[in-house]
Amino acid sequence: MPHKLRKHRRMRGSRTQGYGRIGQHRDAGSKGHRKVGKHKHLWSQVCNEKIPYFGKHGFHSPQALHSKEKTLNLKQLDALSQTIDTTNINLTDLGYTKLLGTGKITKALTITVASCSKSAAEKMKAAGGKLITETEEAEATETTA
C-alpha cells in the first residue's frame, strides 16, 4: 500500500539517499566497461575484437570537399522549361554551373551554361536545341571584337 513515508520520500534532501559514500547505487553508468577503459583495463577487448576504435580512418579527397559545382539534369531542365514560356534559358543566371545528360528533353531550347556533359550536348542537338557554353560565348565575343 502506498504511503507517504516510503524510503525515497524519507531520504529526500540527504546527499546519498542512504546508500553510503560517493557513487554507490548508481545505475549502469557506474560500471567500468561503459565507454571507459579502452586504453586501460579493456585493452584486450580492443585487440581481440579488432575494432578500429582509435585514430582516424578513411580518406577524403580535398578536391571533393571544395567542389562548388551546382548541376542540373535534362529532366529537371525539361520540367523547368514547361513552367517558363521562353525558349531561351540562361542557367548561369539561375545559379547552375553544369548541365548533365540524365533524362530526355522534349522542346528545342537555347541554353546558356558554364559547362555541360557530352551526353547533354548530344541530346540537346538531337532535340533541335542549341547549347551555348562559356567557352563558345568567349570565342564569339573575340571574333566580333
Protein backbone atom coordinates (compact mmCIF):
# COMPACT_ATOMS: atom_id res chain seq x y z
CA MET A 1 0.00 0.00 0.00
CA PRO A 2 1.44 3.41 -0.90
CA HIS A 3 2.10 5.72 1.97
CA LYS A 4 3.93 8.97 2.40
CA LEU A 5 6.83 7.58 4.45
CA ARG A 6 8.40 5.44 1.74
CA LYS A 7 12.18 5.39 1.68
CA HIS A 8 12.64 7.67 -1.31
CA ARG A 9 10.47 10.28 0.40
CA ARG A 10 12.24 9.93 3.76
CA MET A 11 15.66 10.24 2.20
CA ARG A 12 14.96 13.36 0.12
CA GLY A 13 17.49 16.03 0.95
CA SER A 14 20.17 13.64 2.09
CA ARG A 15 23.06 13.54 -0.29
CA THR A 16 23.35 9.81 -0.86
CA GLN A 17 19.78 8.65 -0.16
CA GLY A 18 21.08 6.10 2.37
CA TYR A 19 23.48 4.28 0.02
CA GLY A 20 26.76 5.22 1.67
CA ARG A 21 29.56 7.32 0.29
CA ILE A 22 30.36 8.54 -3.19
CA GLY A 23 28.82 6.99 -6.26
CA GLN A 24 27.13 3.93 -4.85
CA HIS A 25 23.78 2.72 -6.11
CA ARG A 26 24.16 4.36 -9.44
CA ASP A 27 22.81 2.59 -12.46
CA ALA A 28 24.76 1.00 -15.30
CA GLY A 29 26.80 4.18 -15.66
CA SER A 30 28.94 3.22 -12.69
CA LYS A 31 30.11 0.01 -14.32
CA GLY A 32 33.69 0.10 -15.53
CA HIS A 33 33.04 -1.08 -19.08
CA ARG A 34 30.63 1.53 -20.39
CA LYS A 35 32.62 3.86 -22.67
CA VAL A 36 35.71 3.71 -20.45
CA GLY A 37 38.82 1.62 -20.08
CA LYS A 38 39.64 1.03 -23.76
CA HIS A 39 43.21 2.25 -23.18
CA LYS A 40 43.43 0.60 -19.77
CA HIS A 41 41.72 -2.49 -18.38
CA LEU A 42 39.71 -3.21 -21.54
CA TRP A 43 42.67 -3.03 -23.93
CA SER A 44 42.45 -6.77 -24.58
CA GLN A 45 38.86 -6.30 -25.78
CA VAL A 46 40.04 -3.70 -28.30
CA CYS A 47 42.79 -6.06 -29.51
CA ASN A 48 40.60 -9.16 -29.72
CA GLU A 49 37.62 -7.63 -31.46
CA LYS A 50 39.86 -5.83 -33.99
CA ILE A 51 37.61 -2.79 -33.96
CA PRO A 52 39.27 0.32 -35.42
CA TYR A 53 38.46 2.13 -32.19
CA PHE A 54 41.27 4.69 -32.07
CA GLY A 55 42.66 7.00 -34.72
CA LYS A 56 41.35 8.46 -37.94
CA HIS A 57 40.02 6.20 -40.65
CA GLY A 58 39.36 6.78 -44.31
CA PHE A 59 40.32 9.39 -46.83
CA HIS A 60 38.53 12.48 -48.09
CA SER A 61 39.70 13.99 -51.33
CA PRO A 62 40.47 17.67 -50.87
CA GLN A 63 39.09 18.38 -54.34
CA ALA A 64 35.74 16.79 -53.48
CA LEU A 65 35.46 18.86 -50.31
CA HIS A 66 35.79 22.12 -52.20
CA SER A 67 33.58 21.28 -55.17
CA LYS A 68 31.11 24.12 -55.60
CA GLU A 69 29.61 22.94 -58.87
CA LYS A 70 25.83 23.14 -58.97
CA THR A 71 24.42 20.79 -61.57
CA LEU A 72 21.12 20.38 -63.39
CA ASN A 73 19.90 17.33 -65.30
CA LEU A 74 17.99 17.42 -68.59
CA LYS A 75 14.85 16.02 -66.97
CA GLN A 76 14.90 18.90 -64.45
CA LEU A 77 15.53 21.34 -67.29
CA ASP A 78 12.55 19.93 -69.19
CA ALA A 79 10.31 20.46 -66.15
CA LEU A 80 11.72 23.97 -65.75
CA SER A 81 11.08 24.81 -69.41
CA GLN A 82 7.42 23.84 -69.07
CA THR A 83 6.94 26.42 -66.31
CA ILE A 84 8.77 29.16 -68.27
CA ASP A 85 7.28 30.38 -71.55
CA THR A 86 10.53 31.42 -73.23
CA THR A 87 12.83 29.14 -75.22
CA ASN A 88 15.99 30.99 -74.13
CA ILE A 89 17.19 29.96 -70.67
CA ASN A 90 20.34 31.26 -69.00
CA LEU A 91 21.31 28.69 -66.39
CA THR A 92 24.26 30.74 -65.11
CA ASP A 93 21.83 33.48 -64.05
CA LEU A 94 19.81 30.81 -62.23
CA GLY A 95 22.94 29.69 -60.36
CA TYR A 96 23.76 26.44 -62.20
CA THR A 97 27.27 25.73 -63.45
CA LYS A 98 26.90 22.45 -65.34
CA LEU A 99 24.24 20.70 -67.40
CA LEU A 100 24.15 16.90 -67.15
CA GLY A 101 22.53 14.44 -69.55
CA THR A 102 20.19 12.37 -67.37
CA GLY A 103 16.66 12.32 -68.80
CA LYS A 104 15.08 13.49 -72.04
CA ILE A 105 14.41 16.94 -73.46
CA THR A 106 11.19 17.49 -75.39
CA LYS A 107 11.49 21.12 -76.54
CA ALA A 108 14.04 22.87 -78.70
CA LEU A 109 15.68 25.29 -76.27
CA THR A 110 18.60 27.69 -76.36
CA ILE A 111 20.56 27.14 -73.15
CA THR A 112 23.44 29.23 -71.82
CA VAL A 113 25.53 27.47 -69.18
CA ALA A 114 29.15 27.42 -67.98
CA SER A 115 29.79 23.78 -68.96
CA CYS A 116 27.94 20.65 -69.98
CA SER A 117 28.49 16.92 -70.39
CA LYS A 118 28.85 15.26 -73.80
CA SER A 119 25.58 13.36 -73.46
CA ALA A 120 23.71 16.58 -72.61
CA ALA A 121 25.12 18.32 -75.68
CA GLU A 122 24.18 15.37 -77.92
CA LYS A 123 20.64 15.19 -76.57
CA MET A 124 20.16 18.94 -76.97
CA LYS A 125 21.28 18.80 -80.62
CA ALA A 126 19.02 15.79 -81.26
CA ALA A 127 16.04 17.72 -79.87
CA GLY A 128 16.82 20.66 -82.17
CA GLY A 129 18.05 22.96 -79.42
CA LYS A 130 21.23 24.98 -79.05
CA LEU A 131 23.71 24.85 -76.20
CA ILE A 132 25.98 27.84 -75.56
CA THR A 133 28.81 27.29 -73.08
CA GLU A 134 31.10 29.96 -71.64
CA THR A 135 33.99 28.96 -73.92
CA GLU A 136 31.81 29.32 -77.04
CA GLU A 137 30.48 32.62 -75.72
CA ALA A 138 34.01 33.93 -75.16
CA GLU A 139 35.08 32.87 -78.67
CA ALA A 140 32.05 34.57 -80.17
CA THR A 141 32.83 37.87 -78.43
CA GLU A 142 36.51 37.70 -79.52
CA THR A 143 35.59 37.22 -83.20
CA THR A 144 33.14 40.15 -83.18
CA ALA A 145 35.60 42.50 -81.45
